[in-house]
Amino acid sequence: ASSQNQDILKVPKRAAVESAIRETNLDPNAPLPAIDIVKQNLM
């Protein structure tokens, strides 16, 4: 969900999310997930 206040909280960058997933994924060949950002009230 998009941040309520971009001056305090932001969504992590795609590369950082992908890195966190690769670090902890048991299967190194597993495809990376889709990553989306939606408005808070749409969540």
All heavy atoms as atom14 arrays in JSON, in Angstrom:
{
  "sequence": "ASSQNQDILKVPKRAAVESAIRETNLDPNAPLPAIDIVKQNLM",
  "atom14_mask": [
    [1, 1, 1, 1, 1, 0, 0, 0, 0, 0, 0, 0, 0, 0],
    [1, 1, 1, 1, 1, 1, 0, 0, 0, 0, 0, 0, 0, 0],
    [1, 1, 1, 1, 1, 1, 0, 0, 0, 0, 0, 0, 0, 0],
    [1, 1, 1, 1, 1, 1, 1, 1, 1, 0, 0, 0, 0, 0],
    [1, 1, 1, 1, 1, 1, 1, 1, 0, 0, 0, 0, 0, 0],
    [1, 1, 1, 1, 1, 1, 1, 1, 1, 0, 0, 0, 0, 0],
    [1, 1, 1, 1, 1, 1, 1, 1, 0, 0, 0, 0, 0, 0],
    [1, 1, 1, 1, 1, 1, 1, 1, 0, 0, 0, 0, 0, 0],
    [1, 1, 1, 1, 1, 1, 1, 1, 0, 0, 0, 0, 0, 0],
    [1, 1, 1, 1, 1, 1, 1, 1, 1, 0, 0, 0, 0, 0],
    [1, 1, 1, 1, 1, 1, 1, 0, 0, 0, 0, 0, 0, 0],
    [1, 1, 1, 1, 1, 1, 1, 0, 0, 0, 0, 0, 0, 0],
    [1, 1, 1, 1, 1, 1, 1, 1, 1, 0, 0, 0, 0, 0],
    [1, 1, 1, 1, 1, 1, 1, 1, 1, 1, 1, 0, 0, 0],
    [1, 1, 1, 1, 1, 0, 0, 0, 0, 0, 0, 0, 0, 0],
    [1, 1, 1, 1, 1, 0, 0, 0, 0, 0, 0, 0, 0, 0],
    [1, 1, 1, 1, 1, 1, 1, 0, 0, 0, 0, 0, 0, 0],
    [1, 1, 1, 1, 1, 1, 1, 1, 1, 0, 0, 0, 0, 0],
    [1, 1, 1, 1, 1, 1, 0, 0, 0, 0, 0, 0, 0, 0],
    [1, 1, 1, 1, 1, 0, 0, 0, 0, 0, 0, 0, 0, 0],
    [1, 1, 1, 1, 1, 1, 1, 1, 0, 0, 0, 0, 0, 0],
    [1, 1, 1, 1, 1, 1, 1, 1, 1, 1, 1, 0, 0, 0],
    [1, 1, 1, 1, 1, 1, 1, 1, 1, 0, 0, 0, 0, 0],
    [1, 1, 1, 1, 1, 1, 1, 0, 0, 0, 0, 0, 0, 0],
    [1, 1, 1, 1, 1, 1, 1, 1, 0, 0, 0, 0, 0, 0],
    [1, 1, 1, 1, 1, 1, 1, 1, 0, 0, 0, 0, 0, 0],
    [1, 1, 1, 1, 1, 1, 1, 1, 0, 0, 0, 0, 0, 0],
    [1, 1, 1, 1, 1, 1, 1, 0, 0, 0, 0, 0, 0, 0],
    [1, 1, 1, 1, 1, 1, 1, 1, 0, 0, 0, 0, 0, 0],
    [1, 1, 1, 1, 1, 0, 0, 0, 0, 0, 0, 0, 0, 0],
    [1, 1, 1, 1, 1, 1, 1, 0, 0, 0, 0, 0, 0, 0],
    [1, 1, 1, 1, 1, 1, 1, 1, 0, 0, 0, 0, 0, 0],
    [1, 1, 1, 1, 1, 1, 1, 0, 0, 0, 0, 0, 0, 0],
    [1, 1, 1, 1, 1, 0, 0, 0, 0, 0, 0, 0, 0, 0],
    [1, 1, 1, 1, 1, 1, 1, 1, 0, 0, 0, 0, 0, 0],
    [1, 1, 1, 1, 1, 1, 1, 1, 0, 0, 0, 0, 0, 0],
    [1, 1, 1, 1, 1, 1, 1, 1, 0, 0, 0, 0, 0, 0],
    [1, 1, 1, 1, 1, 1, 1, 0, 0, 0, 0, 0, 0, 0],
    [1, 1, 1, 1, 1, 1, 1, 1, 1, 0, 0, 0, 0, 0],
    [1, 1, 1, 1, 1, 1, 1, 1, 1, 0, 0, 0, 0, 0],
    [1, 1, 1, 1, 1, 1, 1, 1, 0, 0, 0, 0, 0, 0],
    [1, 1, 1, 1, 1, 1, 1, 1, 0, 0, 0, 0, 0, 0],
    [1, 1, 1, 1, 1, 1, 1, 1, 0, 0, 0, 0, 0, 0]
  ],
  "atom14_positions": [
    [[0.87, -1.18, 0.0], [0.0, 0.0, 0.0], [0.9, 1.22, 0.0], [1.94, 1.24, 0.66], [-0.9, 0.01, 1.23], [0.0, 0.0, 0.0], [0.0, 0.0, 0.0], [0.0, 0.0, 0.0], [0.0, 0.0, 0.0], [0.0, 0.0, 0.0], [0.0, 0.0, 0.0], [0.0, 0.0, 0.0], [0.0, 0.0, 0.0], [0.0, 0.0, 0.0]],
    [[0.52, 2.23, -0.77], [1.32, 3.45, -0.78], [1.35, 4.05, 0.62], [0.44, 3.86, 1.42], [0.75, 4.45, -1.78], [-0.57, 4.78, -1.44], [0.0, 0.0, 0.0], [0.0, 0.0, 0.0], [0.0, 0.0, 0.0], [0.0, 0.0, 0.0], [0.0, 0.0, 0.0], [0.0, 0.0, 0.0], [0.0, 0.0, 0.0], [0.0, 0.0, 0.0]],
    [[2.4, 4.78, 0.9], [2.57, 5.37, 2.22], [1.58, 6.5, 2.45], [1.27, 7.27, 1.54], [4.0, 5.92, 2.34], [4.16, 6.62, 3.54], [0.0, 0.0, 0.0], [0.0, 0.0, 0.0], [0.0, 0.0, 0.0], [0.0, 0.0, 0.0], [0.0, 0.0, 0.0], [0.0, 0.0, 0.0], [0.0, 0.0, 0.0], [0.0, 0.0, 0.0]],
    [[1.14, 6.61, 3.69], [0.28, 7.73, 4.07], [1.08, 9.03, 4.14], [0.52, 10.1, 4.05], [-0.36, 7.47, 5.43], [-1.32, 6.32, 5.44], [-1.84, 6.05, 6.85], [-1.17, 6.35, 7.84], [-3.02, 5.49, 6.93], [0.0, 0.0, 0.0], [0.0, 0.0, 0.0], [0.0, 0.0, 0.0], [0.0, 0.0, 0.0], [0.0, 0.0, 0.0]],
    [[2.39, 8.91, 4.32], [3.26, 10.08, 4.43], [4.61, 9.73, 3.82], [5.44, 9.09, 4.46], [3.4, 10.5, 5.9], [4.2, 11.76, 6.06], [5.0, 12.13, 5.2], [4.0, 12.44, 7.18], [0.0, 0.0, 0.0], [0.0, 0.0, 0.0], [0.0, 0.0, 0.0], [0.0, 0.0, 0.0], [0.0, 0.0, 0.0], [0.0, 0.0, 0.0]],
    [[4.84, 10.18, 2.6], [6.08, 9.87, 1.88], [7.32, 10.51, 2.51], [8.44, 10.11, 2.21], [5.97, 10.35, 0.42], [4.96, 9.59, -0.39], [5.48, 8.23, -0.82], [6.65, 8.07, -1.13], [4.61, 7.25, -0.81], [0.0, 0.0, 0.0], [0.0, 0.0, 0.0], [0.0, 0.0, 0.0], [0.0, 0.0, 0.0], [0.0, 0.0, 0.0]],
    [[7.13, 11.48, 3.4], [8.27, 12.09, 4.08], [8.8, 11.19, 5.2], [9.92, 11.38, 5.68], [7.88, 13.44, 4.68], [7.57, 14.47, 3.6], [8.14, 14.38, 2.49], [6.75, 15.37, 3.87], [0.0, 0.0, 0.0], [0.0, 0.0, 0.0], [0.0, 0.0, 0.0], [0.0, 0.0, 0.0], [0.0, 0.0, 0.0], [0.0, 0.0, 0.0]],
    [[7.99, 10.21, 5.63], [8.38, 9.31, 6.72], [8.63, 7.9, 6.23], [9.62, 7.27, 6.58], [7.3, 9.31, 7.83], [7.2, 10.69, 8.46], [7.61, 8.23, 8.88], [6.08, 10.83, 9.46], [0.0, 0.0, 0.0], [0.0, 0.0, 0.0], [0.0, 0.0, 0.0], [0.0, 0.0, 0.0], [0.0, 0.0, 0.0], [0.0, 0.0, 0.0]],
    [[7.72, 7.38, 5.39], [7.77, 5.98, 4.96], [7.64, 5.87, 3.45], [6.78, 6.51, 2.85], [6.61, 5.21, 5.62], [6.43, 3.75, 5.21], [7.57, 2.9, 5.75], [5.1, 3.22, 5.72], [0.0, 0.0, 0.0], [0.0, 0.0, 0.0], [0.0, 0.0, 0.0], [0.0, 0.0, 0.0], [0.0, 0.0, 0.0], [0.0, 0.0, 0.0]],
    [[8.5, 5.05, 2.86], [8.4, 4.78, 1.43], [8.44, 3.28, 1.19], [8.95, 2.51, 2.01], [9.56, 5.44, 0.67], [9.47, 6.95, 0.66], [10.51, 7.56, -0.23], [10.35, 9.08, -0.22], [11.38, 9.73, -1.01], [0.0, 0.0, 0.0], [0.0, 0.0, 0.0], [0.0, 0.0, 0.0], [0.0, 0.0, 0.0], [0.0, 0.0, 0.0]],
    [[7.88, 2.88, 0.06], [7.94, 1.49, -0.36], [9.39, 1.2, -0.76], [10.04, 2.02, -1.4], [6.99, 1.26, -1.55], [7.18, -0.1, -2.17], [5.55, 1.47, -1.11], [0.0, 0.0, 0.0], [0.0, 0.0, 0.0], [0.0, 0.0, 0.0], [0.0, 0.0, 0.0], [0.0, 0.0, 0.0], [0.0, 0.0, 0.0], [0.0, 0.0, 0.0]],
    [[9.92, 0.01, -0.38], [11.29, -0.3, -0.78], [11.43, -0.39, -2.3], [10.47, -0.7, -3.01], [11.56, -1.66, -0.12], [10.26, -2.18, 0.33], [9.29, -1.06, 0.38], [0.0, 0.0, 0.0], [0.0, 0.0, 0.0], [0.0, 0.0, 0.0], [0.0, 0.0, 0.0], [0.0, 0.0, 0.0], [0.0, 0.0, 0.0], [0.0, 0.0, 0.0]],
    [[12.62, -0.13, -2.78], [12.89, -0.23, -4.21], [12.8, -1.69, -4.66], [13.07, -2.6, -3.89], [14.27, 0.33, -4.53], [14.38, 1.82, -4.25], [15.68, 2.37, -4.78], [15.84, 3.83, -4.45], [14.87, 4.71, -5.0], [0.0, 0.0, 0.0], [0.0, 0.0, 0.0], [0.0, 0.0, 0.0], [0.0, 0.0, 0.0], [0.0, 0.0, 0.0]],
    [[12.42, -1.89, -5.92], [12.25, -3.22, -6.47], [13.52, -4.07, -6.28], [13.43, -5.23, -5.88], [11.9, -3.14, -7.96], [11.83, -4.5, -8.65], [11.43, -4.4, -10.09], [10.07, -3.95, -10.25], [9.0, -4.72, -10.18], [9.14, -6.0, -9.95], [7.8, -4.23, -10.34], [0.0, 0.0, 0.0], [0.0, 0.0, 0.0], [0.0, 0.0, 0.0]],
    [[14.68, -3.5, -6.53], [15.93, -4.25, -6.4], [16.13, -4.73, -4.96], [16.62, -5.85, -4.73], [17.11, -3.41, -6.85], [0.0, 0.0, 0.0], [0.0, 0.0, 0.0], [0.0, 0.0, 0.0], [0.0, 0.0, 0.0], [0.0, 0.0, 0.0], [0.0, 0.0, 0.0], [0.0, 0.0, 0.0], [0.0, 0.0, 0.0], [0.0, 0.0, 0.0]],
    [[15.76, -3.92, -3.98], [15.9, -4.3, -2.58], [14.94, -5.43, -2.23], [15.31, -6.36, -1.49], [15.67, -3.09, -1.67], [0.0, 0.0, 0.0], [0.0, 0.0, 0.0], [0.0, 0.0, 0.0], [0.0, 0.0, 0.0], [0.0, 0.0, 0.0], [0.0, 0.0, 0.0], [0.0, 0.0, 0.0], [0.0, 0.0, 0.0], [0.0, 0.0, 0.0]],
    [[13.71, -5.37, -2.75], [12.74, -6.44, -2.51], [13.24, -7.74, -3.13], [13.23, -8.81, -2.5], [11.34, -6.07, -3.06], [10.38, -7.24, -2.95], [10.79, -4.85, -2.35], [0.0, 0.0, 0.0], [0.0, 0.0, 0.0], [0.0, 0.0, 0.0], [0.0, 0.0, 0.0], [0.0, 0.0, 0.0], [0.0, 0.0, 0.0], [0.0, 0.0, 0.0]],
    [[13.7, -7.67, -4.36], [14.21, -8.86, -5.04], [15.41, -9.45, -4.31], [15.53, -10.67, -4.17], [14.55, -8.53, -6.5], [13.33, -8.25, -7.34], [13.64, -7.79, -8.75], [14.83, -7.54, -9.07], [12.68, -7.65, -9.54], [0.0, 0.0, 0.0], [0.0, 0.0, 0.0], [0.0, 0.0, 0.0], [0.0, 0.0, 0.0], [0.0, 0.0, 0.0]],
    [[16.27, -8.6, -3.81], [17.44, -9.08, -3.05], [17.01, -9.78, -1.76], [17.54, -10.85, -1.42], [18.35, -7.89, -2.73], [19.44, -8.3, -1.95], [0.0, 0.0, 0.0], [0.0, 0.0, 0.0], [0.0, 0.0, 0.0], [0.0, 0.0, 0.0], [0.0, 0.0, 0.0], [0.0, 0.0, 0.0], [0.0, 0.0, 0.0], [0.0, 0.0, 0.0]],
    [[16.04, -9.21, -1.04], [15.55, -9.82, 0.2], [14.94, -11.19, -0.09], [15.12, -12.14, 0.69], [14.52, -8.92, 0.87], [0.0, 0.0, 0.0], [0.0, 0.0, 0.0], [0.0, 0.0, 0.0], [0.0, 0.0, 0.0], [0.0, 0.0, 0.0], [0.0, 0.0, 0.0], [0.0, 0.0, 0.0], [0.0, 0.0, 0.0], [0.0, 0.0, 0.0]],
    [[14.25, -11.32, -1.21], [13.64, -12.59, -1.58], [14.71, -13.6, -1.95], [14.68, -14.75, -1.51], [12.63, -12.38, -2.72], [11.44, -11.58, -2.19], [12.18, -13.72, -3.32], [10.55, -11.01, -3.26], [0.0, 0.0, 0.0], [0.0, 0.0, 0.0], [0.0, 0.0, 0.0], [0.0, 0.0, 0.0], [0.0, 0.0, 0.0], [0.0, 0.0, 0.0]],
    [[15.69, -13.19, -2.75], [16.76, -14.12, -3.14], [17.56, -14.6, -1.93], [17.96, -15.75, -1.87], [17.7, -13.43, -4.13], [17.18, -13.43, -5.54], [18.29, -13.02, -6.51], [17.69, -12.61, -7.76], [17.51, -11.36, -8.15], [17.91, -10.36, -7.39], [16.94, -11.09, -9.3], [0.0, 0.0, 0.0], [0.0, 0.0, 0.0], [0.0, 0.0, 0.0]],
    [[17.81, -13.69, -0.98], [18.59, -14.05, 0.22], [17.94, -15.18, 1.01], [18.64, -15.95, 1.67], [18.72, -12.84, 1.15], [19.61, -11.75, 0.67], [19.48, -10.5, 1.53], [18.9, -10.56, 2.64], [19.95, -9.45, 1.09], [0.0, 0.0, 0.0], [0.0, 0.0, 0.0], [0.0, 0.0, 0.0], [0.0, 0.0, 0.0], [0.0, 0.0, 0.0]],
    [[16.62, -15.23, 0.99], [15.91, -16.18, 1.85], [15.17, -17.27, 1.08], [14.49, -18.09, 1.69], [14.88, -15.42, 2.72], [14.0, -14.68, 1.88], [15.59, -14.48, 3.68], [0.0, 0.0, 0.0], [0.0, 0.0, 0.0], [0.0, 0.0, 0.0], [0.0, 0.0, 0.0], [0.0, 0.0, 0.0], [0.0, 0.0, 0.0], [0.0, 0.0, 0.0]],
    [[15.31, -17.29, -0.23], [14.61, -18.28, -1.03], [15.38, -19.59, -1.01], [16.59, -19.62, -1.26], [14.45, -17.78, -2.47], [13.32, -18.45, -3.19], [12.89, -19.53, -2.79], [12.85, -17.81, -4.24], [0.0, 0.0, 0.0], [0.0, 0.0, 0.0], [0.0, 0.0, 0.0], [0.0, 0.0, 0.0], [0.0, 0.0, 0.0], [0.0, 0.0, 0.0]],
    [[14.68, -20.68, -0.74], [15.33, -22.0, -0.71], [15.71, -22.48, -2.11], [16.66, -23.23, -2.26], [14.39, -23.02, -0.05], [14.06, -22.75, 1.41], [13.04, -23.75, 1.91], [15.32, -22.8, 2.25], [0.0, 0.0, 0.0], [0.0, 0.0, 0.0], [0.0, 0.0, 0.0], [0.0, 0.0, 0.0], [0.0, 0.0, 0.0], [0.0, 0.0, 0.0]],
    [[14.97, -22.05, -3.12], [15.23, -22.46, -4.5], [15.81, -21.28, -5.27], [15.09, -20.34, -5.59], [13.94, -22.94, -5.16], [14.13, -23.37, -6.6], [15.28, -23.31, -7.11], [13.14, -23.76, -7.23], [0.0, 0.0, 0.0], [0.0, 0.0, 0.0], [0.0, 0.0, 0.0], [0.0, 0.0, 0.0], [0.0, 0.0, 0.0], [0.0, 0.0, 0.0]],
    [[17.12, -21.32, -5.59], [17.72, -20.18, -6.29], [17.18, -19.97, -7.7], [17.36, -18.91, -8.28], [19.22, -20.52, -6.32], [19.28, -22.0, -6.13], [18.08, -22.39, -5.33], [0.0, 0.0, 0.0], [0.0, 0.0, 0.0], [0.0, 0.0, 0.0], [0.0, 0.0, 0.0], [0.0, 0.0, 0.0], [0.0, 0.0, 0.0], [0.0, 0.0, 0.0]],
    [[16.51, -20.97, -8.25], [15.94, -20.86, -9.6], [14.48, -20.43, -9.6], [13.87, -20.31, -10.67], [16.08, -22.2, -10.33], [17.53, -22.58, -10.49], [18.37, -21.75, -10.81], [17.84, -23.84, -10.25], [0.0, 0.0, 0.0], [0.0, 0.0, 0.0], [0.0, 0.0, 0.0], [0.0, 0.0, 0.0], [0.0, 0.0, 0.0], [0.0, 0.0, 0.0]],
    [[13.9, -20.21, -8.44], [12.5, -19.8, -8.35], [12.33, -18.43, -9.0], [13.18, -17.55, -8.84], [12.04, -19.76, -6.9], [0.0, 0.0, 0.0], [0.0, 0.0, 0.0], [0.0, 0.0, 0.0], [0.0, 0.0, 0.0], [0.0, 0.0, 0.0], [0.0, 0.0, 0.0], [0.0, 0.0, 0.0], [0.0, 0.0, 0.0], [0.0, 0.0, 0.0]],
    [[11.24, -18.25, -9.74], [11.01, -16.93, -10.35], [10.72, -15.88, -9.28], [10.2, -16.2, -8.22], [9.77, -17.17, -11.23], [9.1, -18.35, -10.63], [10.18, -19.19, -10.01], [0.0, 0.0, 0.0], [0.0, 0.0, 0.0], [0.0, 0.0, 0.0], [0.0, 0.0, 0.0], [0.0, 0.0, 0.0], [0.0, 0.0, 0.0], [0.0, 0.0, 0.0]],
    [[11.07, -14.65, -9.59], [10.79, -13.55, -8.67], [9.31, -13.19, -8.76], [8.7, -13.29, -9.83], [11.66, -12.34, -9.0], [13.14, -12.53, -8.69], [13.96, -11.39, -9.29], [13.36, -12.62, -7.2], [0.0, 0.0, 0.0], [0.0, 0.0, 0.0], [0.0, 0.0, 0.0], [0.0, 0.0, 0.0], [0.0, 0.0, 0.0], [0.0, 0.0, 0.0]],
    [[8.72, -12.76, -7.65], [7.29, -12.43, -7.66], [7.02, -11.09, -8.34], [7.91, -10.26, -8.48], [6.95, -12.36, -6.18], [8.22, -11.93, -5.54], [9.31, -12.61, -6.33], [0.0, 0.0, 0.0], [0.0, 0.0, 0.0], [0.0, 0.0, 0.0], [0.0, 0.0, 0.0], [0.0, 0.0, 0.0], [0.0, 0.0, 0.0], [0.0, 0.0, 0.0]],
    [[5.76, -10.91, -8.72], [5.32, -9.6, -9.19], [5.28, -8.68, -7.98], [5.0, -9.11, -6.86], [3.93, -9.72, -9.81], [0.0, 0.0, 0.0], [0.0, 0.0, 0.0], [0.0, 0.0, 0.0], [0.0, 0.0, 0.0], [0.0, 0.0, 0.0], [0.0, 0.0, 0.0], [0.0, 0.0, 0.0], [0.0, 0.0, 0.0], [0.0, 0.0, 0.0]],
    [[5.59, -7.41, -8.19], [5.61, -6.43, -7.11], [4.75, -5.24, -7.54], [4.97, -4.67, -8.61], [7.05, -5.96, -6.8], [7.91, -7.15, -6.4], [7.04, -4.89, -5.72], [9.39, -6.86, -6.35], [0.0, 0.0, 0.0], [0.0, 0.0, 0.0], [0.0, 0.0, 0.0], [0.0, 0.0, 0.0], [0.0, 0.0, 0.0], [0.0, 0.0, 0.0]],
    [[3.75, -4.92, -6.71], [2.82, -3.83, -7.04], [2.72, -2.85, -5.88], [2.95, -3.21, -4.73], [1.41, -4.37, -7.29], [1.32, -5.19, -8.55], [1.96, -4.83, -9.55], [0.6, -6.2, -8.53], [0.0, 0.0, 0.0], [0.0, 0.0, 0.0], [0.0, 0.0, 0.0], [0.0, 0.0, 0.0], [0.0, 0.0, 0.0], [0.0, 0.0, 0.0]],
    [[2.32, -1.62, -6.22], [2.01, -0.61, -5.22], [0.59, -0.14, -5.51], [0.27, 0.2, -6.65], [2.98, 0.59, -5.3], [4.42, 0.13, -5.11], [2.6, 1.66, -4.27], [5.45, 1.2, -5.4], [0.0, 0.0, 0.0], [0.0, 0.0, 0.0], [0.0, 0.0, 0.0], [0.0, 0.0, 0.0], [0.0, 0.0, 0.0], [0.0, 0.0, 0.0]],
    [[-0.26, -0.17, -4.49], [-1.64, 0.31, -4.64], [-1.89, 1.41, -3.64], [-1.21, 1.51, -2.62], [-2.67, -0.83, -4.46], [-2.49, -1.9, -5.51], [-2.62, -1.41, -3.07], [0.0, 0.0, 0.0], [0.0, 0.0, 0.0], [0.0, 0.0, 0.0], [0.0, 0.0, 0.0], [0.0, 0.0, 0.0], [0.0, 0.0, 0.0], [0.0, 0.0, 0.0]],
    [[-2.87, 2.23, -3.92], [-3.23, 3.28, -2.96], [-3.77, 2.64, -1.7], [-4.45, 1.62, -1.74], [-4.25, 4.22, -3.57], [-3.67, 5.06, -4.67], [-4.57, 6.2, -5.01], [-3.92, 6.99, -6.12], [-3.82, 8.36, -5.84], [0.0, 0.0, 0.0], [0.0, 0.0, 0.0], [0.0, 0.0, 0.0], [0.0, 0.0, 0.0], [0.0, 0.0, 0.0]],
    [[-3.48, 3.24, -0.57], [-3.85, 2.7, 0.74], [-5.33, 2.33, 0.82], [-5.68, 1.26, 1.28], [-3.5, 3.71, 1.84], [-3.75, 3.25, 3.23], [-2.65, 2.37, 3.78], [-1.62, 2.17, 3.17], [-2.86, 1.82, 4.93], [0.0, 0.0, 0.0], [0.0, 0.0, 0.0], [0.0, 0.0, 0.0], [0.0, 0.0, 0.0], [0.0, 0.0, 0.0]],
    [[-6.23, 3.19, 0.36], [-7.65, 2.91, 0.48], [-8.12, 1.83, -0.48], [-9.17, 1.25, -0.3], [-8.49, 4.18, 0.32], [-8.23, 4.89, -0.99], [-7.35, 4.49, -1.75], [-8.97, 5.94, -1.25], [0.0, 0.0, 0.0], [0.0, 0.0, 0.0], [0.0, 0.0, 0.0], [0.0, 0.0, 0.0], [0.0, 0.0, 0.0], [0.0, 0.0, 0.0]],
    [[-7.34, 1.52, -1.5], [-7.7, 0.44, -2.43], [-7.26, -0.93, -1.91], [-7.77, -1.95, -2.35], [-7.06, 0.68, -3.81], [-7.6, 1.86, -4.59], [-6.84, 2.0, -5.91], [-9.08, 1.71, -4.85], [0.0, 0.0, 0.0], [0.0, 0.0, 0.0], [0.0, 0.0, 0.0], [0.0, 0.0, 0.0], [0.0, 0.0, 0.0], [0.0, 0.0, 0.0]],
    [[-6.33, -0.95, -0.95], [-5.83, -2.22, -0.43], [-6.97, -3.04, 0.19], [-7.08, -4.23, -0.07], [-4.74, -1.98, 0.61], [-4.18, -3.25, 1.21], [-3.37, -4.34, 0.03], [-1.78, -3.58, -0.03], [0.0, 0.0, 0.0], [0.0, 0.0, 0.0], [0.0, 0.0, 0.0], [0.0, 0.0, 0.0], [0.0, 0.0, 0.0], [0.0, 0.0, 0.0]]
  ]
}
